[in-house]
PDB file of N, CA and C in Angstrom:
ATOM      1  N   CYS A   1      94.584 144.559  16.145  1.00  0.00           N
ATOM      2  CA  CYS A   1      95.197 143.273  16.770  1.00  0.00           C
ATOM      3  C   CYS A   1      94.654 143.371  18.379  1.00  0.00           C
ATOM      4  N   LEU A   2      94.017 142.320  18.839  1.00  0.00           N
ATOM      5  CA  LEU A   2      93.494 142.264  20.083  1.00  0.00           C
ATOM      6  C   LEU A   2      94.041 140.891  20.690  1.00  0.00           C
ATOM      7  N   PHE A   3      94.120 141.091  22.014  1.00  0.00           N
ATOM      8  CA  PHE A   3      94.810 140.005  22.931  1.00  0.00           C
ATOM      9  C   PHE A   3      93.613 139.664  23.645  1.00  0.00           C
ATOM     10  N   LEU A   4      93.690 138.294  24.242  1.00  0.00           N
ATOM     11  CA  LEU A   4      92.687 137.852  24.900  1.00  0.00           C
ATOM     12  C   LEU A   4      93.514 137.083  26.215  1.00  0.00           C
ATOM     13  N   LYS A   5      93.864 138.156  27.326  1.00  0.00           N
ATOM     14  CA  LYS A   5      94.609 137.706  28.395  1.00  0.00           C
ATOM     15  C   LYS A   5      93.879 138.043  29.561  1.00  0.00           C
ATOM     16  N   GLN A   6      93.340 139.363  29.538  1.00  0.00           N
ATOM     17  CA  GLN A   6      92.587 140.013  30.760  1.00  0.00           C
ATOM     18  C   GLN A   6      91.017 139.991  30.423  1.00  0.00           C
ATOM     19  N   ILE A   7      90.292 140.287  31.674  1.00  0.00           N
ATOM     20  CA  ILE A   7      88.902 140.502  31.605  1.00  0.00           C
ATOM     21  C   ILE A   7      88.704 141.699  30.488  1.00  0.00           C
ATOM     22  N   SER A   8      89.442 142.910  30.724  1.00  0.00           N
ATOM     23  CA  SER A   8      89.295 143.983  29.990  1.00  0.00           C
ATOM     24  C   SER A   8      89.482 143.590  28.387  1.00  0.00           C
ATOM     25  N   ASP A   9      90.338 142.692  28.151  1.00  0.00           N
ATOM     26  CA  ASP A   9      90.732 142.278  26.774  1.00  0.00           C
ATOM     27  C   ASP A   9      89.470 141.807  26.167  1.00  0.00           C
ATOM     28  N   ALA A  10      88.645 140.970  26.999  1.00  0.00           N
ATOM     29  CA  ALA A  10      87.356 140.415  26.322  1.00  0.00           C
ATOM     30  C   ALA A  10      86.374 141.361  26.293  1.00  0.00           C
ATOM     31  N   ASP A  11      86.412 142.366  26.930  1.00  0.00           N
ATOM     32  CA  ASP A  11      85.346 143.572  26.710  1.00  0.00           C
ATOM     33  C   ASP A  11      85.610 144.144  25.246  1.00  0.00           C
ATOM     34  N   SER A  12      87.026 144.476  25.215  1.00  0.00           N
ATOM     35  CA  SER A  12      87.471 145.147  24.183  1.00  0.00           C
ATOM     36  C   SER A  12      87.060 144.485  22.711  1.00  0.00           C
ATOM     37  N   LEU A  13      87.305 142.978  22.801  1.00  0.00           N
ATOM     38  CA  LEU A  13      86.998 142.068  21.711  1.00  0.00           C
ATOM     39  C   LEU A  13      85.551 142.161  21.517  1.00  0.00           C
ATOM     40  N   ARG A  14      84.693 142.197  22.479  1.00  0.00           N
ATOM     41  CA  ARG A  14      83.164 142.106  22.434  1.00  0.00           C
ATOM     42  C   ARG A  14      82.899 143.478  21.496  1.00  0.00           C
ATOM     43  N   LYS A  15      83.370 144.519  21.959  1.00  0.00           N
ATOM     44  CA  LYS A  15      83.155 145.905  21.340  1.00  0.00           C
ATOM     45  C   LYS A  15      83.740 145.915  19.841  1.00  0.00           C
ATOM     46  N   ALA A  16      84.863 145.323  19.706  1.00  0.00           N
ATOM     47  CA  ALA A  16      85.297 145.445  18.305  1.00  0.00           C
ATOM     48  C   ALA A  16      84.325 144.481  17.333  1.00  0.00           C
ATOM     49  N   LEU A  17      84.062 143.412  17.894  1.00  0.00           N
ATOM     50  CA  LEU A  17      83.073 142.549  16.891  1.00  0.00           C
ATOM     51  C   LEU A  17      81.856 143.313  16.582  1.00  0.00           C
ATOM     52  N   GLY A  18      81.377 143.822  17.643  1.00  0.00           N
ATOM     53  CA  GLY A  18      80.069 144.802  17.350  1.00  0.00           C
ATOM     54  C   GLY A  18      80.319 145.877  16.245  1.00  0.00           C
ATOM     55  N   ASN A  19      81.443 146.496  16.530  1.00  0.00           N
ATOM     56  CA  ASN A  19      81.878 147.690  15.501  1.00  0.00           C
ATOM     57  C   ASN A  19      82.092 147.240  14.104  1.00  0.00           C
ATOM     58  N   ALA A  20      82.696 145.975  14.008  1.00  0.00           N
ATOM     59  CA  ALA A  20      83.102 145.348  12.757  1.00  0.00           C
ATOM     60  C   ALA A  20      81.635 145.358  12.056  1.00  0.00           C
ATOM     61  N   PHE A  21      80.623 144.634  12.745  1.00  0.00           N
ATOM     62  CA  PHE A  21      79.461 144.481  11.985  1.00  0.00           C
ATOM     63  C   PHE A  21      78.630 145.694  11.723  1.00  0.00           C
ATOM     64  N   GLU A  22      78.780 146.739  12.630  1.00  0.00           N
ATOM     65  CA  GLU A  22      78.272 148.008  12.393  1.00  0.00           C
ATOM     66  C   GLU A  22      78.825 148.744  11.163  1.00  0.00           C
ATOM     67  N   ARG A  23      79.995 148.544  11.136  1.00  0.00           N
ATOM     68  CA  ARG A  23      80.725 149.277  10.055  1.00  0.00           C
ATOM     69  C   ARG A  23      80.644 148.485   8.516  1.00  0.00           C
ATOM     70  N   ALA A  24      80.287 147.109   8.676  1.00  0.00           N
ATOM     71  CA  ALA A  24      80.032 146.551   7.396  1.00  0.00           C
ATOM     72  C   ALA A  24      78.477 146.683   7.048  1.00  0.00           C
ATOM     73  N   SER A  25      77.783 147.219   7.882  1.00  0.00           N
ATOM     74  CA  SER A  25      76.481 147.345   7.538  1.00  0.00           C
ATOM     75  C   SER A  25      76.157 148.876   6.836  1.00  0.00           C
ATOM     76  N   LEU A  26      77.159 149.623   6.679  1.00  0.00           N
ATOM     77  CA  LEU A  26      77.140 151.042   6.252  1.00  0.00           C
ATOM     78  C   LEU A  26      76.837 150.852   4.836  1.00  0.00           C
ATOM     79  N   PRO A  27      75.912 151.534   4.104  1.00  0.00           N
ATOM     80  CA  PRO A  27      75.627 151.318   2.907  1.00  0.00           C
ATOM     81  C   PRO A  27      76.642 151.889   1.801  1.00  0.00           C
ATOM     82  N   THR A  28      77.432 152.775   2.385  1.00  0.00           N
ATOM     83  CA  THR A  28      78.553 153.257   1.577  1.00  0.00           C
ATOM     84  C   THR A  28      79.667 152.283   1.272  1.00  0.00           C
ATOM     85  N   LEU A  29      79.701 151.201   1.938  1.00  0.00           N
ATOM     86  CA  LEU A  29      80.860 150.272   1.855  1.00  0.00           C
ATOM     87  C   LEU A  29      80.921 149.381   0.687  1.00  0.00           C
ATOM     88  N   SER A  30      82.032 149.348  -0.032  1.00  0.00           N
ATOM     89  CA  SER A  30      82.207 148.366  -1.358  1.00  0.00           C
ATOM     90  C   SER A  30      82.036 146.908  -0.621  1.00  0.00           C
ATOM     91  N   ALA A  31      81.802 146.110  -1.644  1.00  0.00           N
ATOM     92  CA  ALA A  31      81.865 144.703  -1.177  1.00  0.00           C
ATOM     93  C   ALA A  31      83.024 144.147  -0.657  1.00  0.00           C
ATOM     94  N   ASP A  32      84.254 144.634  -1.164  1.00  0.00           N
ATOM     95  CA  ASP A  32      85.482 144.316  -0.794  1.00  0.00           C
ATOM     96  C   ASP A  32      85.764 144.809   0.713  1.00  0.00           C
ATOM     97  N   GLU A  33      85.405 146.142   0.941  1.00  0.00           N
ATOM     98  CA  GLU A  33      85.479 146.581   2.237  1.00  0.00           C
ATOM     99  C   GLU A  33      84.669 145.762   3.327  1.00  0.00           C
ATOM    100  N   ARG A  34      83.538 145.543   2.892  1.00  0.00           N
ATOM    101  CA  ARG A  34      82.680 144.716   3.842  1.00  0.00           C
ATOM    102  C   ARG A  34      83.210 143.377   4.248  1.00  0.00           C
ATOM    103  N   ARG A  35      83.723 142.632   3.225  1.00  0.00           N
ATOM    104  CA  ARG A  35      84.490 141.451   3.312  1.00  0.00           C
ATOM    105  C   ARG A  35      85.595 141.477   4.306  1.00  0.00           C
ATOM    106  N   ARG A  36      86.393 142.680   4.229  1.00  0.00           N
ATOM    107  CA  ARG A  36      87.539 142.897   5.118  1.00  0.00           C
ATOM    108  C   ARG A  36      87.140 143.193   6.363  1.00  0.00           C
ATOM    109  N   ALA A  37      85.934 143.781   6.499  1.00  0.00           N
ATOM    110  CA  ALA A  37      85.567 144.222   7.853  1.00  0.00           C
ATOM    111  C   ALA A  37      84.967 142.970   8.646  1.00  0.00           C
ATOM    112  N   LEU A  38      84.369 141.928   7.912  1.00  0.00           N
ATOM    113  CA  LEU A  38      83.928 140.754   8.458  1.00  0.00           C
ATOM    114  C   LEU A  38      84.973 139.412   8.462  1.00  0.00           C
ATOM    115  N   SER A  39      86.130 139.814   8.183  1.00  0.00           N
ATOM    116  CA  SER A  39      87.237 138.749   8.330  1.00  0.00           C
ATOM    117  C   SER A  39      87.933 138.847   9.672  1.00  0.00           C
ATOM    118  N   PHE A  40      87.852 137.555  10.276  1.00  0.00           N
ATOM    119  CA  PHE A  40      88.402 137.684  11.617  1.00  0.00           C
ATOM    120  C   PHE A  40      89.497 136.562  11.636  1.00  0.00           C
ATOM    121  N   CYS A  41      90.665 136.888  12.255  1.00  0.00           N
ATOM    122  CA  CYS A  41      91.770 135.973  12.203  1.00  0.00           C
ATOM    123  C   CYS A  41      92.234 135.774  13.642  1.00  0.00           C
ATOM    124  N   VAL A  42      92.209 134.444  14.239  1.00  0.00           N
ATOM    125  CA  VAL A  42      92.567 134.068  15.481  1.00  0.00           C
ATOM    126  C   VAL A  42      93.980 133.465  15.237  1.00  0.00           C
ATOM    127  N   VAL A  43      94.999 133.908  16.003  1.00  0.00           N
ATOM    128  CA  VAL A  43      96.230 133.424  15.948  1.00  0.00           C
ATOM    129  C   VAL A  43      96.638 132.770  17.386  1.00  0.00           C
ATOM    130  N   GLY A  44      97.045 131.343  17.114  1.00  0.00           N
ATOM    131  CA  GLY A  44      97.189 130.455  18.145  1.00  0.00           C
ATOM    132  C   GLY A  44      96.182 129.386  18.327  1.00  0.00           C
ATOM    133  N   ALA A  45      96.538 128.055  17.890  1.00  0.00           N
ATOM    134  CA  ALA A  45      95.508 127.176  17.887  1.00  0.00           C
ATOM    135  C   ALA A  45      95.783 126.375  19.460  1.00  0.00           C
ATOM    136  N   GLY A  46      96.051 127.107  20.295  1.00  0.00           N
ATOM    137  CA  GLY A  46      96.022 126.338  21.534  1.00  0.00           C
ATOM    138  C   GLY A  46      94.582 126.341  22.187  1.00  0.00           C
ATOM    139  N   PRO A  47      94.436 125.914  23.477  1.00  0.00           N
ATOM    140  CA  PRO A  47      93.089 125.886  24.087  1.00  0.00           C
ATOM    141  C   PRO A  47      92.406 127.198  24.043  1.00  0.00           C
ATOM    142  N   THR A  48      92.913 128.365  24.171  1.00  0.00           N
ATOM    143  CA  THR A  48      92.060 129.501  24.148  1.00  0.00           C
ATOM    144  C   THR A  48      91.667 129.897  22.831  1.00  0.00           C
ATOM    145  N   GLY A  49      92.630 129.769  21.877  1.00  0.00           N
ATOM    146  CA  GLY A  49      92.393 130.126  20.301  1.00  0.00           C
ATOM    147  C   GLY A  49      91.246 129.164  19.821  1.00  0.00           C
ATOM    148  N   VAL A  50      91.345 127.894  20.176  1.00  0.00           N
ATOM    149  CA  VAL A  50      90.398 126.941  19.791  1.00  0.00           C
ATOM    150  C   VAL A  50      88.895 127.226  20.213  1.00  0.00           C
ATOM    151  N   GLU A  51      88.949 127.421  21.461  1.00  0.00           N
ATOM    152  CA  GLU A  51      87.678 127.817  22.308  1.00  0.00           C
ATOM    153  C   GLU A  51      87.225 129.118  21.739  1.00  0.00           C
ATOM    154  N   PHE A  52      87.940 130.129  21.586  1.00  0.00           N
ATOM    155  CA  PHE A  52      87.491 131.520  21.093  1.00  0.00           C
ATOM    156  C   PHE A  52      86.874 131.226  19.703  1.00  0.00           C
ATOM    157  N   CYS A  53      87.380 130.499  18.916  1.00  0.00           N
ATOM    158  CA  CYS A  53      87.087 130.202  17.487  1.00  0.00           C
ATOM    159  C   CYS A  53      85.457 129.470  17.480  1.00  0.00           C
ATOM    160  N   GLY A  54      85.458 128.641  18.373  1.00  0.00           N
ATOM    161  CA  GLY A  54      84.122 127.925  18.719  1.00  0.00           C
ATOM    162  C   GLY A  54      83.207 128.866  19.147  1.00  0.00           C
ATOM    163  N   GLU A  55      83.420 129.740  20.155  1.00  0.00           N
ATOM    164  CA  GLU A  55      82.495 130.738  20.619  1.00  0.00           C
ATOM    165  C   GLU A  55      82.126 131.884  19.566  1.00  0.00           C
ATOM    166  N   LEU A  56      83.097 132.266  18.840  1.00  0.00           N
ATOM    167  CA  LEU A  56      82.916 133.162  17.560  1.00  0.00           C
ATOM    168  C   LEU A  56      81.958 132.566  16.683  1.00  0.00           C
ATOM    169  N   ARG A  57      82.038 131.213  16.311  1.00  0.00           N
ATOM    170  CA  ARG A  57      81.204 130.635  15.455  1.00  0.00           C
ATOM    171  C   ARG A  57      79.662 130.527  16.046  1.00  0.00           C
ATOM    172  N   ASP A  58      79.587 130.244  17.279  1.00  0.00           N
ATOM    173  CA  ASP A  58      78.335 130.287  17.907  1.00  0.00           C
ATOM    174  C   ASP A  58      77.650 131.751  17.809  1.00  0.00           C
ATOM    175  N   PHE A  59      78.481 132.502  18.023  1.00  0.00           N
ATOM    176  CA  PHE A  59      78.006 134.120  18.063  1.00  0.00           C
ATOM    177  C   PHE A  59      77.559 134.594  16.719  1.00  0.00           C
ATOM    178  N   LEU A  60      78.232 133.985  15.727  1.00  0.00           N
ATOM    179  CA  LEU A  60      77.857 134.296  14.261  1.00  0.00           C
ATOM    180  C   LEU A  60      76.544 133.503  13.937  1.00  0.00           C
ATOM    181  N   ALA A  61      76.496 132.460  14.362  1.00  0.00           N
ATOM    182  CA  ALA A  61      75.264 131.499  13.964  1.00  0.00           C
ATOM    183  C   ALA A  61      73.933 131.954  14.772  1.00  0.00           C
ATOM    184  N   ALA A  62      74.142 132.413  16.084  1.00  0.00           N
ATOM    185  CA  ALA A  62      72.981 133.009  16.659  1.00  0.00           C
ATOM    186  C   ALA A  62      72.788 134.244  16.749  1.00  0.00           C
ATOM    187  N   ASP A  63      73.740 135.021  17.575  1.00  0.00           N
ATOM    188  CA  ASP A  63      73.596 136.417  17.733  1.00  0.00           C
ATOM    189  C   ASP A  63      73.558 137.259  16.633  1.00  0.00           C
ATOM    190  N   ALA A  64      74.763 137.215  15.914  1.00  0.00           N
ATOM    191  CA  ALA A  64      74.998 138.049  14.640  1.00  0.00           C
ATOM    192  C   ALA A  64      73.737 137.727  13.519  1.00  0.00           C
ATOM    193  N   ALA A  65      73.368 136.473  13.516  1.00  0.00           N
ATOM    194  CA  ALA A  65      72.308 136.087  12.410  1.00  0.00           C
ATOM    195  C   ALA A  65      71.096 136.847  12.918  1.00  0.00           C
ATOM    196  N   ARG A  66      70.822 136.982  14.039  1.00  0.00           N
ATOM    197  CA  ARG A  66      69.554 137.663  14.380  1.00  0.00           C
ATOM    198  C   ARG A  66      69.567 139.077  14.102  1.00  0.00           C
ATOM    199  N   TYR A  67      70.765 139.749  14.515  1.00  0.00           N
ATOM    200  CA  TYR A  67      70.568 141.085  14.200  1.00  0.00           C
ATOM    201  C   TYR A  67      71.355 141.759  12.949  1.00  0.00           C
ATOM    202  N   TYR A  68      72.212 140.866  12.116  1.00  0.00           N
ATOM    203  CA  TYR A  68      72.764 141.324  10.767  1.00  0.00           C
ATOM    204  C   TYR A  68      72.466 140.096   9.952  1.00  0.00           C
ATOM    205  N   PRO A  69      71.105 139.610   9.586  1.00  0.00           N
ATOM    206  CA  PRO A  69      70.960 138.374   8.842  1.00  0.00           C
ATOM    207  C   PRO A  69      71.750 138.576   7.426  1.00  0.00           C
ATOM    208  N   ASP A  70      71.818 139.794   6.918  1.00  0.00           N
ATOM    209  CA  ASP A  70      72.340 139.860   5.540  1.00  0.00           C
ATOM    210  C   ASP A  70      73.919 139.819   5.438  1.00  0.00           C
ATOM    211  N   LEU A  71      74.553 139.951   6.570  1.00  0.00           N
ATOM    212  CA  LEU A  71      76.047 140.073   6.746  1.00  0.00           C
ATOM    213  C   LEU A  71      76.529 138.876   7.181  1.00  0.00           C
ATOM    214  N   VAL A  72      75.775 137.910   7.965  1.00  0.00           N
ATOM    215  CA  VAL A  72      76.577 136.956   8.678  1.00  0.00           C
ATOM    216  C   VAL A  72      77.058 135.878   7.758  1.00  0.00           C
ATOM    217  N   GLY A  73      76.398 135.825   6.644  1.00  0.00           N
ATOM    218  CA  GLY A  73      77.059 134.764   5.784  1.00  0.00           C
ATOM    219  C   GLY A  73      78.349 135.273   5.104  1.00  0.00           C
ATOM    220  N   GLU A  74      78.628 136.729   5.152  1.00  0.00           N
ATOM    221  CA  GLU A  74      79.974 137.024   4.595  1.00  0.00           C
ATOM    222  C   GLU A  74      81.125 137.070   5.593  1.00  0.00           C
ATOM    223  N   ALA A  75      80.793 136.633   6.828  1.00  0.00           N
ATOM    224  CA  ALA A  75      81.887 136.755   7.825  1.00  0.00           C
ATOM    225  C   ALA A  75      82.768 135.405   7.675  1.00  0.00           C
ATOM    226  N   ARG A  76      83.958 135.616   8.023  1.00  0.00           N
ATOM    227  CA  ARG A  76      84.984 134.649   7.668  1.00  0.00           C
ATOM    228  C   ARG A  76      85.841 134.614   9.037  1.00  0.00           C
ATOM    229  N   VAL A  77      86.160 133.368   9.501  1.00  0.00           N
ATOM    230  CA  VAL A  77      86.945 133.138  10.609  1.00  0.00           C
ATOM    231  C   VAL A  77      88.087 132.271  10.246  1.00  0.00           C
ATOM    232  N   THR A  78      89.281 132.714  10.517  1.00  0.00           N
ATOM    233  CA  THR A  78      90.393 131.780  10.260  1.00  0.00           C
ATOM    234  C   THR A  78      91.212 131.593  11.542  1.00  0.00           C
ATOM    235  N   LEU A  79      91.663 130.427  11.787  1.00  0.00           N
ATOM    236  CA  LEU A  79      92.600 130.017  12.972  1.00  0.00           C
ATOM    237  C   LEU A  79      93.826 129.516  12.457  1.00  0.00           C
ATOM    238  N   LEU A  80      94.822 130.496  12.831  1.00  0.00           N
ATOM    239  CA  LEU A  80      96.254 130.257  12.355  1.00  0.00           C
ATOM    240  C   LEU A  80      97.051 129.645  13.675  1.00  0.00           C
ATOM    241  N   GLU A  81      98.002 128.699  13.231  1.00  0.00           N
ATOM    242  CA  GLU A  81      99.031 128.161  14.222  1.00  0.00           C
ATOM    243  C   GLU A  81     100.478 128.419  13.630  1.00  0.00           C
ATOM    244  N   ALA A  82     101.310 128.955  14.457  1.00  0.00           N
ATOM    245  CA  ALA A  82     102.536 129.312  14.046  1.00  0.00           C
ATOM    246  C   ALA A  82     103.578 128.202  14.115  1.00  0.00           C
ATOM    247  N   THR A  83     103.393 126.953  14.684  1.00  0.00           N
ATOM    248  CA  THR A  83     104.329 125.939  14.737  1.00  0.00           C
ATOM    249  C   THR A  83     103.984 125.052  13.424  1.00  0.00           C
ATOM    250  N   ASP A  84     104.819 124.203  13.262  1.00  0.00           N
ATOM    251  CA  ASP A  84     104.821 123.257  12.179  1.00  0.00           C
ATOM    252  C   ASP A  84     104.176 122.023  12.781  1.00  0.00           C
ATOM    253  N   GLN A  85     103.472 121.750  13.570  1.00  0.00           N
ATOM    254  CA  GLN A  85     103.066 120.525  14.334  1.00  0.00           C
ATOM    255  C   GLN A  85     101.537 120.406  13.608  1.00  0.00           C
TER     256      GLN A  85
END
């Protein structure tokens, strides 16, 4: 679980994304483990959560696709909202 409130949180998040793709690229991982490593969940559909999902999608389409072309298609992003609206 990571937060996105401070600049240091953004740096931790960037590192965690890179680590997730590095872990998923290990040849010893099963398909199920790889799917779990590349599943990202953003909680909170307010302005920050929605903006982050958009940026994450852009990262997956551009940067991750360049460095991890075999894995990027397996990445999943889920946006969750806790209210009933």
